[in-house]
Amino acid sequence: MAKDCCSFQLISGDGVFNMEGLENFSRTTNLLQCGVSDAVVAIMGPQSGGKSTLLNKLFQTDFRMMDADDGRTQTTRGIWIAKAIGIEPFTIGIDVEGSDSGERGQDGTTFEKQSAVFALAIADIVMINMWCHDIGREHAANRPLLKAVFEAMIRLFRSRKTTLLFVIRDQTKTPFERLEHSLRGDIEKIWAAIPKPGAYKGTPLGDFFKVEITALPSYEFEEDKFKDKVDRLRQRFFHSISPGGLAGDRKDVQPASGFSLRVEQIWKTIKENKDLDLPAMEVMVATFRCDQIAKETLGRLKLDETWLAMGEALKSGPVSEFWENLSSILENYLCQ
C-alpha cells in the first residue's frame, strides 16, 4: 500500500472525535487547498463483509483488514479515514465500523444509527457493501442497515442528492440483471416502510438518492476476476464530481477549508441526539472560517516587510509614493 494515504481513526469505538488527527490529515494531504474540488466516499455494511479490503483495492489505502485465520471477528472499530491514492479529484475514503456486530451486540444499534447519519451528512457517495445471498431475504443483515440509512436521510432534510452505490459481494451464477431487479425491489419496499414527516410522505426514493448497483466475484475464490472488476470500478471514481459523474448532485457543496470544523460539529450534534440542521450548520462554519481567514490575513499584513518598512520611514517624515505603495499592500491582502 502507498505510504502517503495517511489513514487514521477519526472517531473511536466509544464515539470520541479525533480533531487533532483530522487537522494533521488536512495539512499533510493539502486538503485545505482543494476548494470545492474534493469527493467523500464512505462504505457501510455488515461486519466481516470485506469493506476494508474493498476500499484498499479501490483506493490503495491501508485500512486494517480481517485475517481469515482469526475468524470472522470485528476488525474496524469506530470510523477511519484515508486519502485515496492516484485518484482525481482529491477523494477521501471513510471506513465505517461494520453493522450487526457480535462484539457490540444490542448496544451497537445506537452507534450504527449515529454512523449512518454521519456518513450521509458528509459523503457524496455511500457504498453499501452486502452479500449476494442476502438479496431477497426478509431478515438479512443489510435490511436493518438500509433502514438506518433511510431514516438518517429523513433526519437530514437535505436537498442535495447522495449517491448510494450498492456493491454485491460474492456474486453467484444468477444473472446480474435479476439480482439488480430484486435488490431495487427490496430497496423500494424498505423506503416505502420508513415513517416520513408530512412534507415527505409519498416522496420517491429518487428525490433523495441516486442508486447505483454493481457486483463483484469472490475475493477468496476468484481473486483475479475480483481484481479486474475492482480495477474497472476504480475508474468510476475518477472525475466523480464532474457533471454526470458518480457523485451526482453537487448542490450547495461546501469548501474543503471548512471540512474539519464541519465534520466535528456534525458528529457533536449527532452524539448529543439533536436535530441536524445542515444548512444552519454550514452557515455557522462559513462564518467561522471567514473570521478565521480575516484574522490570519491581518496577522500576515502586520508582519509584511514593506508595511513595516513604511511604518519606520514615516517616523522620519513624509514618504514618497505613500498612497501608491499603501494601496498596493492593502489590495494584496484584502483580495485574500
Foldseek 3Di string as FASTA:
>chain_A
DDPQFLKDFQAFLVGDGDLVSVVVNCVSVVQLVCFLFEFEEEEAEAQQLCPVVLCCLLQVDCQDHDDPVVPRAWRDHHKMKTWRPPAPPTYIYIYGTYPPHPVCPPVCLLVLLLVLLLCVLGHLEYEYEEELVQQPDPPRRCLSSLLSNLVSLLLAPDQFAHEYEYEYEADDPPDPVVSVVRNVVSSQVSNLPHDHPPVCNPPGPVSHYDYHYDYAHHCVPCVVRRSVVSVVVSVLRHVQVPDVGRSHGCPPRGTSSLVSVLSVVSSVCSVVVHRCHPVVSRVVSVVVVVVVLLVVLVVVLVVDPLNVVVVVVPVVPDDPPVVVSVVVSCVVSVVD
